Amino acid sequence: MSAAKPTVTASGSLTTEQMALVLGHLPVDVSVMDAEHTLVYWRGPTFDDCDDEYIGRHVDDCHNAGSRKHIARMIEEFAAGTRDEAVFWEVEDGRQKVTRYIALRDSGGTYRGMMEAIVDVTALEGYRGAGNDLEG
């Protein structure tokens, strides 16, 4: 259970084109479900072999039977406000991946859906200390 609700802040504004560029360049694969748990968006290599027909369908249709019980529990806890995030990790095709499911809430705390963010952290294993010059 989360101790505090996350705060989302932003300054400035982005055009639709700028936002598409930002999302396209983030080193993370993303999917978004609305409050009814309908898949409304995805991007990234994780979804390359997924059929676009899943957009507009319930999130259960996008996951195998073994993971549906976890998805259902997250939906229940996110919607109830008892959890804001769930983190899973696995090795897939020799790559270490971390998957975060995050409850999406508006400024009033109302549940609006959830986001799945998948990061390939394989290359990060060697990063320790500071690496703060341009030469890396």
N, C-alpha and C. Protein backbone atom coordinates (compact mmCIF):
# COMPACT_ATOMS: atom_id res chain seq x y z
N MET A 1 0.85 -1.17 0.00
CA MET A 1 0.00 0.00 0.00
C MET A 1 0.89 1.23 0.00
N SER A 2 0.52 2.23 -0.72
CA SER A 2 1.28 3.47 -0.81
C SER A 2 1.01 4.36 0.39
N ALA A 3 2.05 5.06 0.82
CA ALA A 3 1.91 5.95 1.96
C ALA A 3 1.26 7.27 1.56
N ALA A 4 1.58 7.77 0.39
CA ALA A 4 1.04 9.06 -0.04
C ALA A 4 0.70 8.99 -1.52
N LYS A 5 -0.31 9.73 -1.89
CA LYS A 5 -0.70 9.79 -3.30
C LYS A 5 0.35 10.57 -4.07
N PRO A 6 0.71 10.10 -5.27
CA PRO A 6 1.71 10.84 -6.05
C PRO A 6 1.15 12.18 -6.51
N THR A 7 2.02 13.14 -6.61
CA THR A 7 1.66 14.45 -7.11
C THR A 7 2.22 14.60 -8.51
N VAL A 8 1.39 14.99 -9.44
CA VAL A 8 1.83 15.20 -10.81
C VAL A 8 1.83 16.70 -11.05
N THR A 9 2.99 17.23 -11.36
CA THR A 9 3.08 18.65 -11.65
C THR A 9 3.65 18.85 -13.04
N ALA A 10 3.33 19.95 -13.64
CA ALA A 10 3.84 20.30 -14.96
C ALA A 10 3.83 21.80 -15.10
N SER A 11 4.74 22.29 -15.91
CA SER A 11 4.78 23.70 -16.26
C SER A 11 4.90 23.81 -17.76
N GLY A 12 4.37 24.85 -18.31
CA GLY A 12 4.44 25.05 -19.76
C GLY A 12 3.38 24.23 -20.47
N SER A 13 3.55 24.09 -21.78
CA SER A 13 2.60 23.32 -22.57
C SER A 13 3.32 22.72 -23.76
N LEU A 14 2.74 21.66 -24.28
CA LEU A 14 3.30 20.97 -25.44
C LEU A 14 2.21 20.86 -26.50
N THR A 15 2.60 20.96 -27.75
CA THR A 15 1.67 20.68 -28.84
C THR A 15 1.51 19.16 -28.93
N THR A 16 0.53 18.71 -29.66
CA THR A 16 0.34 17.28 -29.88
C THR A 16 1.57 16.69 -30.54
N GLU A 17 2.15 17.41 -31.51
CA GLU A 17 3.36 16.93 -32.19
C GLU A 17 4.52 16.81 -31.22
N GLN A 18 4.71 17.81 -30.35
CA GLN A 18 5.80 17.75 -29.37
C GLN A 18 5.59 16.59 -28.40
N MET A 19 4.36 16.40 -27.96
CA MET A 19 4.09 15.30 -27.04
C MET A 19 4.36 13.96 -27.69
N ALA A 20 4.00 13.81 -28.96
CA ALA A 20 4.28 12.58 -29.68
C ALA A 20 5.78 12.34 -29.78
N LEU A 21 6.54 13.41 -30.01
CA LEU A 21 8.00 13.29 -30.06
C LEU A 21 8.57 12.87 -28.70
N VAL A 22 8.07 13.50 -27.65
CA VAL A 22 8.55 13.16 -26.30
C VAL A 22 8.27 11.69 -26.01
N LEU A 23 7.02 11.26 -26.20
CA LEU A 23 6.67 9.86 -25.93
C LEU A 23 7.47 8.90 -26.81
N GLY A 24 7.71 9.29 -28.04
CA GLY A 24 8.46 8.44 -28.96
C GLY A 24 9.93 8.30 -28.62
N HIS A 25 10.47 9.22 -27.86
CA HIS A 25 11.88 9.20 -27.52
C HIS A 25 12.17 8.79 -26.08
N LEU A 26 11.16 8.65 -25.28
CA LEU A 26 11.39 8.17 -23.91
C LEU A 26 11.91 6.74 -23.96
N PRO A 27 12.91 6.41 -23.14
CA PRO A 27 13.44 5.04 -23.15
C PRO A 27 12.57 4.09 -22.32
N VAL A 28 11.30 4.07 -22.64
CA VAL A 28 10.33 3.25 -21.92
C VAL A 28 9.20 2.89 -22.87
N ASP A 29 8.70 1.67 -22.75
CA ASP A 29 7.52 1.26 -23.50
C ASP A 29 6.32 1.55 -22.62
N VAL A 30 5.26 2.08 -23.22
CA VAL A 30 4.12 2.56 -22.44
C VAL A 30 2.81 2.03 -23.03
N SER A 31 1.91 1.63 -22.13
CA SER A 31 0.52 1.40 -22.53
C SER A 31 -0.36 2.11 -21.51
N VAL A 32 -1.54 2.55 -21.96
CA VAL A 32 -2.45 3.31 -21.11
C VAL A 32 -3.85 2.71 -21.24
N MET A 33 -4.47 2.49 -20.08
CA MET A 33 -5.84 2.03 -20.00
C MET A 33 -6.67 3.14 -19.35
N ASP A 34 -7.92 3.32 -19.81
CA ASP A 34 -8.78 4.33 -19.21
C ASP A 34 -9.45 3.77 -17.94
N ALA A 35 -10.35 4.54 -17.35
CA ALA A 35 -10.99 4.14 -16.09
C ALA A 35 -11.87 2.89 -16.25
N GLU A 36 -12.28 2.58 -17.47
CA GLU A 36 -13.06 1.37 -17.71
C GLU A 36 -12.14 0.21 -18.08
N HIS A 37 -10.84 0.46 -18.05
CA HIS A 37 -9.79 -0.52 -18.33
C HIS A 37 -9.79 -0.99 -19.76
N THR A 38 -10.08 -0.02 -20.62
CA THR A 38 -9.98 -0.21 -22.06
C THR A 38 -8.62 0.31 -22.50
N LEU A 39 -7.92 -0.48 -23.28
CA LEU A 39 -6.62 -0.06 -23.79
C LEU A 39 -6.82 1.08 -24.78
N VAL A 40 -6.20 2.23 -24.52
CA VAL A 40 -6.39 3.39 -25.40
C VAL A 40 -5.11 3.81 -26.12
N TYR A 41 -3.93 3.29 -25.65
CA TYR A 41 -2.67 3.74 -26.25
C TYR A 41 -1.57 2.76 -25.91
N TRP A 42 -0.63 2.60 -26.85
CA TRP A 42 0.63 1.94 -26.54
C TRP A 42 1.68 2.40 -27.51
N ARG A 43 2.93 2.29 -27.09
CA ARG A 43 4.06 2.56 -27.96
C ARG A 43 5.28 1.85 -27.39
N GLY A 44 6.18 1.46 -28.27
CA GLY A 44 7.43 0.84 -27.87
C GLY A 44 7.58 -0.58 -28.40
N PRO A 45 8.82 -1.05 -28.45
CA PRO A 45 9.12 -2.36 -29.01
C PRO A 45 8.40 -3.53 -28.34
N THR A 46 8.07 -3.40 -27.06
CA THR A 46 7.35 -4.48 -26.38
C THR A 46 6.07 -4.83 -27.12
N PHE A 47 5.46 -3.84 -27.75
CA PHE A 47 4.16 -4.02 -28.38
C PHE A 47 4.25 -4.22 -29.89
N ASP A 48 5.49 -4.36 -30.41
CA ASP A 48 5.67 -4.49 -31.86
C ASP A 48 4.90 -5.66 -32.47
N ASP A 49 4.82 -6.78 -31.73
CA ASP A 49 4.11 -7.91 -32.32
C ASP A 49 2.69 -8.05 -31.77
N CYS A 50 2.19 -6.98 -31.17
CA CYS A 50 0.79 -6.95 -30.73
C CYS A 50 -0.07 -6.37 -31.85
N ASP A 51 -1.23 -6.92 -32.02
CA ASP A 51 -2.13 -6.48 -33.08
C ASP A 51 -2.87 -5.22 -32.64
N ASP A 52 -2.94 -4.21 -33.51
CA ASP A 52 -3.62 -2.96 -33.20
C ASP A 52 -5.10 -3.15 -32.86
N GLU A 53 -5.65 -4.32 -33.17
CA GLU A 53 -7.06 -4.56 -32.84
C GLU A 53 -7.29 -4.56 -31.32
N TYR A 54 -6.23 -4.66 -30.52
CA TYR A 54 -6.39 -4.63 -29.07
C TYR A 54 -6.72 -3.23 -28.55
N ILE A 55 -6.36 -2.19 -29.31
CA ILE A 55 -6.74 -0.85 -28.91
C ILE A 55 -8.27 -0.79 -28.92
N GLY A 56 -8.84 -0.30 -27.81
CA GLY A 56 -10.28 -0.24 -27.69
C GLY A 56 -10.89 -1.46 -27.01
N ARG A 57 -10.04 -2.41 -26.60
CA ARG A 57 -10.53 -3.61 -25.93
C ARG A 57 -10.14 -3.59 -24.46
N HIS A 58 -10.80 -4.40 -23.65
CA HIS A 58 -10.51 -4.49 -22.22
C HIS A 58 -9.10 -5.04 -22.01
N VAL A 59 -8.46 -4.57 -20.97
CA VAL A 59 -7.08 -4.96 -20.68
C VAL A 59 -6.93 -6.48 -20.54
N ASP A 60 -7.96 -7.18 -20.07
CA ASP A 60 -7.88 -8.64 -19.97
C ASP A 60 -7.59 -9.29 -21.31
N ASP A 61 -8.10 -8.69 -22.37
CA ASP A 61 -7.90 -9.25 -23.71
C ASP A 61 -6.45 -9.14 -24.17
N CYS A 62 -5.66 -8.33 -23.46
CA CYS A 62 -4.28 -8.06 -23.87
C CYS A 62 -3.25 -8.86 -23.06
N HIS A 63 -3.72 -9.64 -22.09
CA HIS A 63 -2.81 -10.39 -21.21
C HIS A 63 -3.20 -11.86 -21.19
N ASN A 64 -2.20 -12.69 -20.92
CA ASN A 64 -2.47 -14.12 -20.86
C ASN A 64 -3.25 -14.47 -19.60
N ALA A 65 -3.84 -15.64 -19.60
CA ALA A 65 -4.70 -16.06 -18.48
C ALA A 65 -3.96 -16.04 -17.15
N GLY A 66 -2.68 -16.38 -17.15
CA GLY A 66 -1.90 -16.42 -15.91
C GLY A 66 -1.71 -15.06 -15.25
N SER A 67 -1.71 -14.00 -16.03
CA SER A 67 -1.49 -12.67 -15.45
C SER A 67 -2.79 -11.92 -15.16
N ARG A 68 -3.92 -12.43 -15.61
CA ARG A 68 -5.19 -11.73 -15.44
C ARG A 68 -5.58 -11.55 -13.98
N LYS A 69 -5.25 -12.52 -13.13
CA LYS A 69 -5.60 -12.37 -11.71
C LYS A 69 -4.81 -11.22 -11.08
N HIS A 70 -3.57 -11.02 -11.52
CA HIS A 70 -2.77 -9.91 -11.01
C HIS A 70 -3.33 -8.58 -11.52
N ILE A 71 -3.71 -8.56 -12.78
CA ILE A 71 -4.30 -7.35 -13.37
C ILE A 71 -5.59 -6.99 -12.64
N ALA A 72 -6.45 -8.00 -12.40
CA ALA A 72 -7.72 -7.75 -11.71
C ALA A 72 -7.49 -7.20 -10.31
N ARG A 73 -6.49 -7.72 -9.61
CA ARG A 73 -6.20 -7.22 -8.26
C ARG A 73 -5.69 -5.79 -8.31
N MET A 74 -4.82 -5.49 -9.28
CA MET A 74 -4.34 -4.11 -9.41
C MET A 74 -5.49 -3.16 -9.70
N ILE A 75 -6.36 -3.55 -10.63
CA ILE A 75 -7.51 -2.71 -10.97
C ILE A 75 -8.34 -2.43 -9.72
N GLU A 76 -8.62 -3.47 -8.97
CA GLU A 76 -9.43 -3.32 -7.76
C GLU A 76 -8.75 -2.39 -6.75
N GLU A 77 -7.47 -2.59 -6.50
CA GLU A 77 -6.76 -1.78 -5.51
C GLU A 77 -6.51 -0.36 -6.01
N PHE A 78 -6.20 -0.20 -7.28
CA PHE A 78 -6.02 1.14 -7.83
C PHE A 78 -7.33 1.93 -7.75
N ALA A 79 -8.42 1.31 -8.19
CA ALA A 79 -9.71 1.99 -8.19
C ALA A 79 -10.17 2.34 -6.78
N ALA A 80 -9.85 1.47 -5.81
CA ALA A 80 -10.23 1.71 -4.41
C ALA A 80 -9.33 2.73 -3.73
N GLY A 81 -8.20 3.03 -4.36
CA GLY A 81 -7.26 3.99 -3.77
C GLY A 81 -6.35 3.38 -2.72
N THR A 82 -6.29 2.05 -2.63
CA THR A 82 -5.43 1.40 -1.65
C THR A 82 -4.04 1.10 -2.18
N ARG A 83 -3.84 1.29 -3.45
CA ARG A 83 -2.53 1.08 -4.08
C ARG A 83 -2.40 2.05 -5.23
N ASP A 84 -1.19 2.54 -5.45
CA ASP A 84 -0.92 3.46 -6.55
C ASP A 84 0.03 2.88 -7.58
N GLU A 85 0.75 1.82 -7.22
CA GLU A 85 1.77 1.28 -8.12
C GLU A 85 2.00 -0.19 -7.80
N ALA A 86 2.33 -0.96 -8.83
CA ALA A 86 2.75 -2.35 -8.68
C ALA A 86 3.95 -2.55 -9.60
N VAL A 87 4.99 -3.19 -9.09
CA VAL A 87 6.22 -3.36 -9.85
C VAL A 87 6.54 -4.84 -10.00
N PHE A 88 6.87 -5.23 -11.22
CA PHE A 88 7.26 -6.60 -11.54
C PHE A 88 8.56 -6.55 -12.34
N TRP A 89 9.34 -7.62 -12.31
CA TRP A 89 10.55 -7.68 -13.12
C TRP A 89 10.75 -9.10 -13.59
N GLU A 90 11.42 -9.21 -14.73
CA GLU A 90 11.67 -10.51 -15.33
C GLU A 90 12.81 -10.41 -16.34
N VAL A 91 13.37 -11.56 -16.66
CA VAL A 91 14.34 -11.64 -17.75
C VAL A 91 13.57 -12.20 -18.95
N GLU A 92 13.62 -11.44 -20.04
CA GLU A 92 12.93 -11.83 -21.26
C GLU A 92 13.89 -11.73 -22.42
N ASP A 93 14.10 -12.82 -23.12
CA ASP A 93 15.04 -12.86 -24.24
C ASP A 93 16.42 -12.35 -23.84
N GLY A 94 16.86 -12.70 -22.63
CA GLY A 94 18.17 -12.29 -22.14
C GLY A 94 18.25 -10.85 -21.66
N ARG A 95 17.15 -10.15 -21.62
CA ARG A 95 17.10 -8.75 -21.21
C ARG A 95 16.37 -8.64 -19.87
N GLN A 96 16.93 -7.87 -18.94
CA GLN A 96 16.26 -7.62 -17.65
C GLN A 96 15.28 -6.47 -17.83
N LYS A 97 14.00 -6.75 -17.56
CA LYS A 97 12.97 -5.73 -17.74
C LYS A 97 12.22 -5.50 -16.44
N VAL A 98 11.90 -4.24 -16.19
CA VAL A 98 11.09 -3.86 -15.04
C VAL A 98 9.80 -3.26 -15.58
N THR A 99 8.68 -3.77 -15.08
CA THR A 99 7.36 -3.28 -15.49
C THR A 99 6.68 -2.64 -14.30
N ARG A 100 6.26 -1.40 -14.46
CA ARG A 100 5.50 -0.67 -13.42
C ARG A 100 4.11 -0.41 -13.93
N TYR A 101 3.14 -0.76 -13.12
CA TYR A 101 1.75 -0.38 -13.37
C TYR A 101 1.46 0.76 -12.41
N ILE A 102 0.96 1.86 -12.92
CA ILE A 102 0.77 3.07 -12.13
C ILE A 102 -0.67 3.55 -12.27
N ALA A 103 -1.33 3.79 -11.13
CA ALA A 103 -2.68 4.33 -11.16
C ALA A 103 -2.62 5.76 -11.67
N LEU A 104 -3.49 6.09 -12.59
CA LEU A 104 -3.59 7.45 -13.09
C LEU A 104 -4.74 8.14 -12.36
N ARG A 105 -4.44 9.22 -11.69
CA ARG A 105 -5.45 9.96 -10.92
C ARG A 105 -5.41 11.43 -11.35
N ASP A 106 -6.58 12.05 -11.35
CA ASP A 106 -6.63 13.47 -11.67
C ASP A 106 -6.26 14.29 -10.43
N SER A 107 -6.29 15.60 -10.56
CA SER A 107 -5.85 16.48 -9.46
C SER A 107 -6.70 16.33 -8.21
N GLY A 108 -7.93 15.82 -8.35
CA GLY A 108 -8.80 15.59 -7.20
C GLY A 108 -8.64 14.19 -6.61
N GLY A 109 -7.74 13.40 -7.19
CA GLY A 109 -7.51 12.05 -6.68
C GLY A 109 -8.41 10.99 -7.27
N THR A 110 -9.27 11.37 -8.23
CA THR A 110 -10.18 10.41 -8.85
C THR A 110 -9.41 9.49 -9.78
N TYR A 111 -9.65 8.22 -9.66
CA TYR A 111 -9.01 7.22 -10.49
C TYR A 111 -9.46 7.36 -11.94
N ARG A 112 -8.50 7.47 -12.88
CA ARG A 112 -8.81 7.67 -14.30
C ARG A 112 -8.28 6.55 -15.19
N GLY A 113 -7.63 5.56 -14.59
CA GLY A 113 -7.09 4.45 -15.37
C GLY A 113 -5.72 4.07 -14.85
N MET A 114 -4.99 3.33 -15.68
CA MET A 114 -3.63 2.96 -15.29
C MET A 114 -2.70 2.95 -16.48
N MET A 115 -1.43 3.08 -16.15
CA MET A 115 -0.38 3.10 -17.15
C MET A 115 0.57 1.95 -16.86
N GLU A 116 1.02 1.31 -17.91
CA GLU A 116 2.05 0.28 -17.81
C GLU A 116 3.31 0.89 -18.42
N ALA A 117 4.40 0.87 -17.67
CA ALA A 117 5.68 1.39 -18.16
C ALA A 117 6.72 0.28 -18.04
N ILE A 118 7.32 -0.09 -19.16
CA ILE A 118 8.29 -1.19 -19.20
C ILE A 118 9.65 -0.60 -19.57
N VAL A 119 10.64 -0.87 -18.72
CA VAL A 119 11.99 -0.36 -18.96
C VAL A 119 12.95 -1.54 -19.04
N ASP A 120 13.76 -1.56 -20.09
CA ASP A 120 14.82 -2.55 -20.21
C ASP A 120 16.00 -1.99 -19.43
N VAL A 121 16.33 -2.62 -18.30
CA VAL A 121 17.38 -2.11 -17.42
C VAL A 121 18.68 -2.89 -17.56
N THR A 122 18.77 -3.74 -18.55
CA THR A 122 19.95 -4.58 -18.74
C THR A 122 21.22 -3.76 -18.74
N ALA A 123 21.26 -2.69 -19.51
CA ALA A 123 22.47 -1.87 -19.64
C ALA A 123 22.79 -1.08 -18.38
N LEU A 124 21.83 -0.94 -17.48
CA LEU A 124 22.05 -0.15 -16.27
C LEU A 124 22.82 -0.89 -15.20
N GLU A 125 23.00 -2.20 -15.35
CA GLU A 125 23.67 -2.99 -14.33
C GLU A 125 25.07 -2.48 -14.00
N GLY A 126 25.77 -1.90 -14.97
CA GLY A 126 27.13 -1.45 -14.75
C GLY A 126 27.25 -0.04 -14.21
N TYR A 127 26.16 0.68 -14.07
CA TYR A 127 26.21 2.06 -13.61
C TYR A 127 26.28 2.12 -12.09
N ARG A 128 27.36 2.70 -11.58
CA ARG A 128 27.56 2.90 -10.15
C ARG A 128 28.26 4.24 -9.97
N GLY A 129 28.06 4.87 -8.85
CA GLY A 129 28.72 6.14 -8.58
C GLY A 129 28.20 7.22 -9.51
N ALA A 130 29.07 8.13 -9.92
CA ALA A 130 28.68 9.24 -10.78
C ALA A 130 29.24 9.03 -12.18
N GLY A 131 28.46 9.40 -13.16
CA GLY A 131 28.87 9.39 -14.55
C GLY A 131 28.35 10.65 -15.18
N ASN A 132 28.96 11.76 -14.79
CA ASN A 132 28.37 13.03 -15.14
C ASN A 132 29.21 13.88 -16.09
N ASP A 133 29.98 13.21 -16.97
CA ASP A 133 30.59 13.99 -18.03
C ASP A 133 30.14 13.44 -19.37
N LEU A 134 30.29 14.22 -20.40
CA LEU A 134 29.77 13.88 -21.71
C LEU A 134 30.43 12.65 -22.31
N GLU A 135 31.62 12.34 -21.87
CA GLU A 135 32.35 11.19 -22.43
C GLU A 135 31.86 9.86 -21.86
N GLY A 136 31.03 9.91 -20.80
CA GLY A 136 30.41 8.73 -20.24
C GLY A 136 31.33 7.90 -19.45
